[in-house]
Every structure is written in C-alpha cells, then in structure tokens.
All heavy atoms as atom14 arrays in JSON, in Angstrom:
{
  "sequence": "NGTVRADYVHREAHDFYAVKVDQTTGQVTDDFG",
  "atom14_mask": [
    [1, 1, 1, 1, 1, 1, 1, 1, 0, 0, 0, 0, 0, 0],
    [1, 1, 1, 1, 0, 0, 0, 0, 0, 0, 0, 0, 0, 0],
    [1, 1, 1, 1, 1, 1, 1, 0, 0, 0, 0, 0, 0, 0],
    [1, 1, 1, 1, 1, 1, 1, 0, 0, 0, 0, 0, 0, 0],
    [1, 1, 1, 1, 1, 1, 1, 1, 1, 1, 1, 0, 0, 0],
    [1, 1, 1, 1, 1, 0, 0, 0, 0, 0, 0, 0, 0, 0],
    [1, 1, 1, 1, 1, 1, 1, 1, 0, 0, 0, 0, 0, 0],
    [1, 1, 1, 1, 1, 1, 1, 1, 1, 1, 1, 1, 0, 0],
    [1, 1, 1, 1, 1, 1, 1, 0, 0, 0, 0, 0, 0, 0],
    [1, 1, 1, 1, 1, 1, 1, 1, 1, 1, 0, 0, 0, 0],
    [1, 1, 1, 1, 1, 1, 1, 1, 1, 1, 1, 0, 0, 0],
    [1, 1, 1, 1, 1, 1, 1, 1, 1, 0, 0, 0, 0, 0],
    [1, 1, 1, 1, 1, 0, 0, 0, 0, 0, 0, 0, 0, 0],
    [1, 1, 1, 1, 1, 1, 1, 1, 1, 1, 0, 0, 0, 0],
    [1, 1, 1, 1, 1, 1, 1, 1, 0, 0, 0, 0, 0, 0],
    [1, 1, 1, 1, 1, 1, 1, 1, 1, 1, 1, 0, 0, 0],
    [1, 1, 1, 1, 1, 1, 1, 1, 1, 1, 1, 1, 0, 0],
    [1, 1, 1, 1, 1, 0, 0, 0, 0, 0, 0, 0, 0, 0],
    [1, 1, 1, 1, 1, 1, 1, 0, 0, 0, 0, 0, 0, 0],
    [1, 1, 1, 1, 1, 1, 1, 1, 1, 0, 0, 0, 0, 0],
    [1, 1, 1, 1, 1, 1, 1, 0, 0, 0, 0, 0, 0, 0],
    [1, 1, 1, 1, 1, 1, 1, 1, 0, 0, 0, 0, 0, 0],
    [1, 1, 1, 1, 1, 1, 1, 1, 1, 0, 0, 0, 0, 0],
    [1, 1, 1, 1, 1, 1, 1, 0, 0, 0, 0, 0, 0, 0],
    [1, 1, 1, 1, 1, 1, 1, 0, 0, 0, 0, 0, 0, 0],
    [1, 1, 1, 1, 0, 0, 0, 0, 0, 0, 0, 0, 0, 0],
    [1, 1, 1, 1, 1, 1, 1, 1, 1, 0, 0, 0, 0, 0],
    [1, 1, 1, 1, 1, 1, 1, 0, 0, 0, 0, 0, 0, 0],
    [1, 1, 1, 1, 1, 1, 1, 0, 0, 0, 0, 0, 0, 0],
    [1, 1, 1, 1, 1, 1, 1, 1, 0, 0, 0, 0, 0, 0],
    [1, 1, 1, 1, 1, 1, 1, 1, 0, 0, 0, 0, 0, 0],
    [1, 1, 1, 1, 1, 1, 1, 1, 1, 1, 1, 0, 0, 0],
    [1, 1, 1, 1, 0, 0, 0, 0, 0, 0, 0, 0, 0, 0]
  ],
  "atom14_positions": [
    [[34.91, -76.43, 102.1], [33.77, -75.95, 101.56], [33.48, -74.43, 101.77], [32.63, -73.87, 101.19], [32.53, -76.71, 102.05], [32.39, -78.06, 101.71], [32.96, -78.57, 100.56], [31.96, -79.11, 102.52], [0.0, 0.0, 0.0], [0.0, 0.0, 0.0], [0.0, 0.0, 0.0], [0.0, 0.0, 0.0], [0.0, 0.0, 0.0], [0.0, 0.0, 0.0]],
    [[34.22, -73.84, 102.69], [33.95, -72.47, 102.95], [35.18, -71.6, 103.28], [36.24, -72.14, 103.69], [0.0, 0.0, 0.0], [0.0, 0.0, 0.0], [0.0, 0.0, 0.0], [0.0, 0.0, 0.0], [0.0, 0.0, 0.0], [0.0, 0.0, 0.0], [0.0, 0.0, 0.0], [0.0, 0.0, 0.0], [0.0, 0.0, 0.0], [0.0, 0.0, 0.0]],
    [[34.94, -70.32, 102.99], [36.07, -69.36, 103.3], [35.48, -68.06, 103.77], [34.32, -67.63, 103.39], [36.9, -69.01, 102.03], [36.0, -68.48, 101.0], [37.58, -70.25, 101.52], [0.0, 0.0, 0.0], [0.0, 0.0, 0.0], [0.0, 0.0, 0.0], [0.0, 0.0, 0.0], [0.0, 0.0, 0.0], [0.0, 0.0, 0.0], [0.0, 0.0, 0.0]],
    [[36.28, -67.33, 104.67], [35.89, -66.09, 105.2], [37.19, -65.18, 104.93], [38.25, -65.58, 105.26], [35.52, -66.08, 106.57], [35.22, -64.52, 107.03], [34.09, -66.81, 106.82], [0.0, 0.0, 0.0], [0.0, 0.0, 0.0], [0.0, 0.0, 0.0], [0.0, 0.0, 0.0], [0.0, 0.0, 0.0], [0.0, 0.0, 0.0], [0.0, 0.0, 0.0]],
    [[36.98, -63.98, 104.24], [38.05, -63.11, 104.07], [37.81, -61.72, 104.53], [36.62, -61.24, 104.26], [38.49, -63.14, 102.62], [39.64, -62.21, 102.32], [40.13, -62.31, 100.97], [41.25, -61.41, 100.72], [42.23, -61.53, 99.87], [42.45, -62.69, 99.21], [43.11, -60.46, 99.69], [0.0, 0.0, 0.0], [0.0, 0.0, 0.0], [0.0, 0.0, 0.0]],
    [[38.7, -60.98, 105.1], [38.62, -59.61, 105.52], [39.81, -58.8, 105.06], [40.93, -59.32, 105.34], [38.24, -59.48, 106.93], [0.0, 0.0, 0.0], [0.0, 0.0, 0.0], [0.0, 0.0, 0.0], [0.0, 0.0, 0.0], [0.0, 0.0, 0.0], [0.0, 0.0, 0.0], [0.0, 0.0, 0.0], [0.0, 0.0, 0.0], [0.0, 0.0, 0.0]],
    [[39.56, -57.66, 104.46], [40.61, -56.78, 104.08], [40.43, -55.33, 104.56], [39.25, -54.87, 104.33], [40.85, -56.81, 102.65], [41.24, -58.1, 102.01], [42.38, -58.4, 102.04], [40.36, -58.87, 101.5], [0.0, 0.0, 0.0], [0.0, 0.0, 0.0], [0.0, 0.0, 0.0], [0.0, 0.0, 0.0], [0.0, 0.0, 0.0], [0.0, 0.0, 0.0]],
    [[41.34, -54.76, 105.16], [41.23, -53.29, 105.5], [42.05, -52.52, 104.56], [43.25, -52.77, 104.29], [41.71, -53.03, 106.97], [41.33, -51.71, 107.47], [40.09, -51.34, 107.89], [42.29, -50.64, 107.38], [39.79, -50.22, 108.35], [41.95, -49.33, 107.73], [40.82, -49.04, 108.14], [40.31, -47.75, 108.53], [0.0, 0.0, 0.0], [0.0, 0.0, 0.0]],
    [[41.45, -51.43, 103.99], [42.09, -50.72, 102.95], [42.04, -49.22, 103.37], [41.0, -48.68, 103.8], [41.26, -50.83, 101.64], [41.93, -49.93, 100.54], [41.24, -52.34, 101.17], [0.0, 0.0, 0.0], [0.0, 0.0, 0.0], [0.0, 0.0, 0.0], [0.0, 0.0, 0.0], [0.0, 0.0, 0.0], [0.0, 0.0, 0.0], [0.0, 0.0, 0.0]],
    [[43.22, -48.59, 103.22], [43.4, -47.26, 103.51], [43.92, -46.58, 102.24], [45.01, -46.94, 101.78], [44.29, -46.88, 104.71], [44.46, -45.43, 104.81], [43.59, -44.54, 105.4], [45.69, -44.65, 104.6], [44.16, -43.39, 105.38], [45.36, -43.33, 104.84], [0.0, 0.0, 0.0], [0.0, 0.0, 0.0], [0.0, 0.0, 0.0], [0.0, 0.0, 0.0]],
    [[43.26, -45.52, 101.74], [43.8, -44.9, 100.35], [43.73, -43.39, 100.49], [42.79, -42.9, 100.89], [42.91, -45.38, 99.37], [43.15, -45.05, 97.82], [42.17, -45.52, 96.76], [41.96, -47.0, 96.95], [40.68, -47.5, 97.05], [39.7, -46.77, 97.11], [40.69, -48.83, 97.14], [0.0, 0.0, 0.0], [0.0, 0.0, 0.0], [0.0, 0.0, 0.0]],
    [[44.84, -42.78, 100.13], [44.81, -41.32, 100.02], [45.21, -40.77, 98.61], [46.2, -41.31, 98.06], [45.8, -40.79, 101.12], [45.44, -40.97, 102.44], [46.37, -40.21, 103.37], [47.26, -39.53, 102.95], [46.32, -40.55, 104.7], [0.0, 0.0, 0.0], [0.0, 0.0, 0.0], [0.0, 0.0, 0.0], [0.0, 0.0, 0.0], [0.0, 0.0, 0.0]],
    [[44.44, -39.88, 98.04], [44.7, -39.39, 96.75], [45.61, -38.26, 96.71], [45.61, -37.39, 97.71], [43.32, -39.15, 95.97], [0.0, 0.0, 0.0], [0.0, 0.0, 0.0], [0.0, 0.0, 0.0], [0.0, 0.0, 0.0], [0.0, 0.0, 0.0], [0.0, 0.0, 0.0], [0.0, 0.0, 0.0], [0.0, 0.0, 0.0], [0.0, 0.0, 0.0]],
    [[46.38, -38.0, 95.69], [47.26, -36.86, 95.59], [47.31, -36.38, 94.1], [46.91, -36.95, 93.12], [48.7, -37.37, 96.03], [48.75, -37.88, 97.37], [48.76, -37.08, 98.5], [48.76, -39.12, 97.84], [48.85, -37.82, 99.58], [48.93, -38.98, 99.3], [0.0, 0.0, 0.0], [0.0, 0.0, 0.0], [0.0, 0.0, 0.0], [0.0, 0.0, 0.0]],
    [[48.03, -35.23, 93.98], [48.27, -34.57, 92.69], [47.03, -34.29, 91.94], [46.85, -34.54, 90.85], [49.21, -35.38, 91.83], [50.65, -35.21, 92.15], [50.95, -34.34, 92.86], [51.52, -35.93, 91.65], [0.0, 0.0, 0.0], [0.0, 0.0, 0.0], [0.0, 0.0, 0.0], [0.0, 0.0, 0.0], [0.0, 0.0, 0.0], [0.0, 0.0, 0.0]],
    [[46.04, -33.74, 92.68], [44.81, -33.26, 92.03], [44.97, -32.02, 91.05], [45.92, -31.38, 91.16], [43.79, -32.71, 93.04], [43.63, -33.71, 94.19], [44.25, -33.44, 95.39], [42.71, -34.7, 94.21], [44.16, -34.22, 96.43], [42.52, -35.64, 95.27], [43.25, -35.39, 96.43], [0.0, 0.0, 0.0], [0.0, 0.0, 0.0], [0.0, 0.0, 0.0]],
    [[44.09, -32.13, 90.01], [44.24, -31.03, 89.0], [43.58, -29.8, 89.59], [42.53, -29.92, 90.24], [43.53, -31.46, 87.77], [44.17, -32.49, 86.91], [43.34, -33.54, 86.4], [45.5, -32.63, 86.83], [43.92, -34.57, 85.77], [46.09, -33.55, 86.0], [45.25, -34.6, 85.41], [45.85, -35.62, 84.76], [0.0, 0.0, 0.0], [0.0, 0.0, 0.0]],
    [[44.07, -28.7, 89.35], [43.54, -27.4, 89.95], [43.87, -26.24, 88.87], [44.9, -26.29, 88.17], [44.04, -27.17, 91.27], [0.0, 0.0, 0.0], [0.0, 0.0, 0.0], [0.0, 0.0, 0.0], [0.0, 0.0, 0.0], [0.0, 0.0, 0.0], [0.0, 0.0, 0.0], [0.0, 0.0, 0.0], [0.0, 0.0, 0.0], [0.0, 0.0, 0.0]],
    [[42.99, -25.23, 88.9], [43.21, -24.0, 88.14], [43.7, -22.95, 89.08], [42.97, -22.55, 90.03], [42.0, -23.57, 87.36], [42.17, -22.36, 86.58], [41.48, -24.69, 86.36], [0.0, 0.0, 0.0], [0.0, 0.0, 0.0], [0.0, 0.0, 0.0], [0.0, 0.0, 0.0], [0.0, 0.0, 0.0], [0.0, 0.0, 0.0], [0.0, 0.0, 0.0]],
    [[44.89, -22.42, 88.8], [45.46, -21.4, 89.78], [45.49, -19.94, 89.07], [45.92, -19.76, 88.0], [46.93, -21.77, 89.98], [47.61, -20.74, 90.93], [49.1, -21.12, 91.13], [49.83, -20.02, 91.94], [51.31, -20.39, 92.17], [0.0, 0.0, 0.0], [0.0, 0.0, 0.0], [0.0, 0.0, 0.0], [0.0, 0.0, 0.0], [0.0, 0.0, 0.0]],
    [[44.6, -19.2, 89.62], [44.61, -17.74, 89.22], [44.79, -16.88, 90.42], [43.91, -16.8, 91.29], [43.26, -17.46, 88.51], [43.26, -15.87, 88.05], [42.97, -18.43, 87.33], [0.0, 0.0, 0.0], [0.0, 0.0, 0.0], [0.0, 0.0, 0.0], [0.0, 0.0, 0.0], [0.0, 0.0, 0.0], [0.0, 0.0, 0.0], [0.0, 0.0, 0.0]],
    [[45.91, -16.24, 90.5], [46.18, -15.29, 91.6], [47.02, -14.03, 91.13], [47.15, -13.93, 89.92], [46.76, -16.09, 92.76], [48.1, -16.68, 92.4], [48.86, -16.24, 91.43], [48.55, -17.54, 93.05], [0.0, 0.0, 0.0], [0.0, 0.0, 0.0], [0.0, 0.0, 0.0], [0.0, 0.0, 0.0], [0.0, 0.0, 0.0], [0.0, 0.0, 0.0]],
    [[47.58, -13.37, 92.01], [48.36, -12.22, 91.69], [49.7, -12.54, 91.03], [50.3, -11.56, 90.48], [48.54, -11.39, 92.8], [47.24, -10.72, 93.51], [46.67, -9.67, 92.49], [47.13, -8.63, 92.16], [45.46, -10.13, 91.92], [0.0, 0.0, 0.0], [0.0, 0.0, 0.0], [0.0, 0.0, 0.0], [0.0, 0.0, 0.0], [0.0, 0.0, 0.0]],
    [[50.08, -13.72, 91.01], [51.3, -14.04, 90.39], [51.19, -14.53, 89.01], [52.2, -14.61, 88.21], [52.03, -15.12, 91.21], [51.34, -16.41, 91.17], [52.12, -14.83, 92.63], [0.0, 0.0, 0.0], [0.0, 0.0, 0.0], [0.0, 0.0, 0.0], [0.0, 0.0, 0.0], [0.0, 0.0, 0.0], [0.0, 0.0, 0.0], [0.0, 0.0, 0.0]],
    [[49.95, -14.89, 88.44], [49.77, -15.51, 87.26], [49.65, -14.59, 86.11], [49.76, -14.79, 84.94], [48.53, -16.49, 87.17], [47.45, -15.81, 87.65], [48.87, -17.6, 88.09], [0.0, 0.0, 0.0], [0.0, 0.0, 0.0], [0.0, 0.0, 0.0], [0.0, 0.0, 0.0], [0.0, 0.0, 0.0], [0.0, 0.0, 0.0], [0.0, 0.0, 0.0]],
    [[49.24, -13.26, 86.47], [49.23, -12.23, 85.44], [48.0, -12.12, 84.62], [46.97, -12.82, 84.91], [0.0, 0.0, 0.0], [0.0, 0.0, 0.0], [0.0, 0.0, 0.0], [0.0, 0.0, 0.0], [0.0, 0.0, 0.0], [0.0, 0.0, 0.0], [0.0, 0.0, 0.0], [0.0, 0.0, 0.0], [0.0, 0.0, 0.0], [0.0, 0.0, 0.0]],
    [[48.12, -11.35, 83.51], [46.98, -11.15, 82.7], [47.42, -11.26, 81.18], [48.6, -11.13, 80.84], [46.28, -9.86, 82.93], [45.67, -9.67, 84.27], [45.19, -8.27, 84.66], [45.4, -7.27, 83.92], [44.3, -8.23, 85.7], [0.0, 0.0, 0.0], [0.0, 0.0, 0.0], [0.0, 0.0, 0.0], [0.0, 0.0, 0.0], [0.0, 0.0, 0.0]],
    [[46.4, -11.43, 80.29], [46.71, -11.43, 78.74], [45.6, -10.66, 78.15], [44.51, -10.3, 78.68], [46.67, -12.86, 78.26], [47.92, -13.63, 78.86], [45.38, -13.58, 78.66], [0.0, 0.0, 0.0], [0.0, 0.0, 0.0], [0.0, 0.0, 0.0], [0.0, 0.0, 0.0], [0.0, 0.0, 0.0], [0.0, 0.0, 0.0], [0.0, 0.0, 0.0]],
    [[45.82, -10.27, 76.87], [44.82, -9.56, 76.09], [44.28, -10.42, 74.91], [45.32, -10.97, 74.27], [45.44, -8.22, 75.59], [45.85, -7.53, 76.79], [44.36, -7.42, 74.77], [0.0, 0.0, 0.0], [0.0, 0.0, 0.0], [0.0, 0.0, 0.0], [0.0, 0.0, 0.0], [0.0, 0.0, 0.0], [0.0, 0.0, 0.0], [0.0, 0.0, 0.0]],
    [[43.24, -10.5, 74.65], [42.61, -11.36, 73.49], [42.58, -10.59, 72.22], [42.97, -9.29, 72.25], [41.27, -11.98, 73.78], [40.16, -11.0, 73.96], [40.3, -9.77, 73.57], [38.98, -11.3, 74.49], [0.0, 0.0, 0.0], [0.0, 0.0, 0.0], [0.0, 0.0, 0.0], [0.0, 0.0, 0.0], [0.0, 0.0, 0.0], [0.0, 0.0, 0.0]],
    [[42.08, -11.16, 71.14], [42.1, -10.44, 69.81], [41.08, -9.35, 69.89], [41.24, -8.58, 68.81], [41.72, -11.6, 68.83], [42.85, -12.61, 68.57], [43.97, -12.34, 68.97], [42.54, -13.61, 68.08], [0.0, 0.0, 0.0], [0.0, 0.0, 0.0], [0.0, 0.0, 0.0], [0.0, 0.0, 0.0], [0.0, 0.0, 0.0], [0.0, 0.0, 0.0]],
    [[40.12, -9.34, 70.72], [39.22, -8.2, 70.85], [39.76, -7.03, 71.64], [38.99, -6.09, 71.86], [37.83, -8.72, 71.26], [37.25, -9.75, 70.45], [37.38, -11.05, 70.77], [36.61, -9.41, 69.16], [36.88, -12.06, 69.99], [36.08, -10.37, 68.42], [36.24, -11.78, 68.78], [0.0, 0.0, 0.0], [0.0, 0.0, 0.0], [0.0, 0.0, 0.0]],
    [[40.92, -7.1, 72.18], [41.37, -6.14, 73.16], [40.91, -6.18, 74.48], [41.1, -5.33, 75.37], [0.0, 0.0, 0.0], [0.0, 0.0, 0.0], [0.0, 0.0, 0.0], [0.0, 0.0, 0.0], [0.0, 0.0, 0.0], [0.0, 0.0, 0.0], [0.0, 0.0, 0.0], [0.0, 0.0, 0.0], [0.0, 0.0, 0.0], [0.0, 0.0, 0.0]]
  ]
}
C-alpha cells in the first residue's frame, strides 16, 4: 500500500551562449559609413 522514494540530483550546465566583443574581434563599417 505504500512507498517512499528519495533522489539526490546534481546538475551543472555548460556551453552557455555569449556575445564576445573585445580587442580581437575587430570593427566593421555599415552602409551609412
């Protein structure tokens, strides 16, 4: 008639999205100059 259950969970996320703008990424010029 009865049950007891316990679970321990450990989770780590990786490969997040990020926008990188630094001295290595450079610059561009748009159509308006």
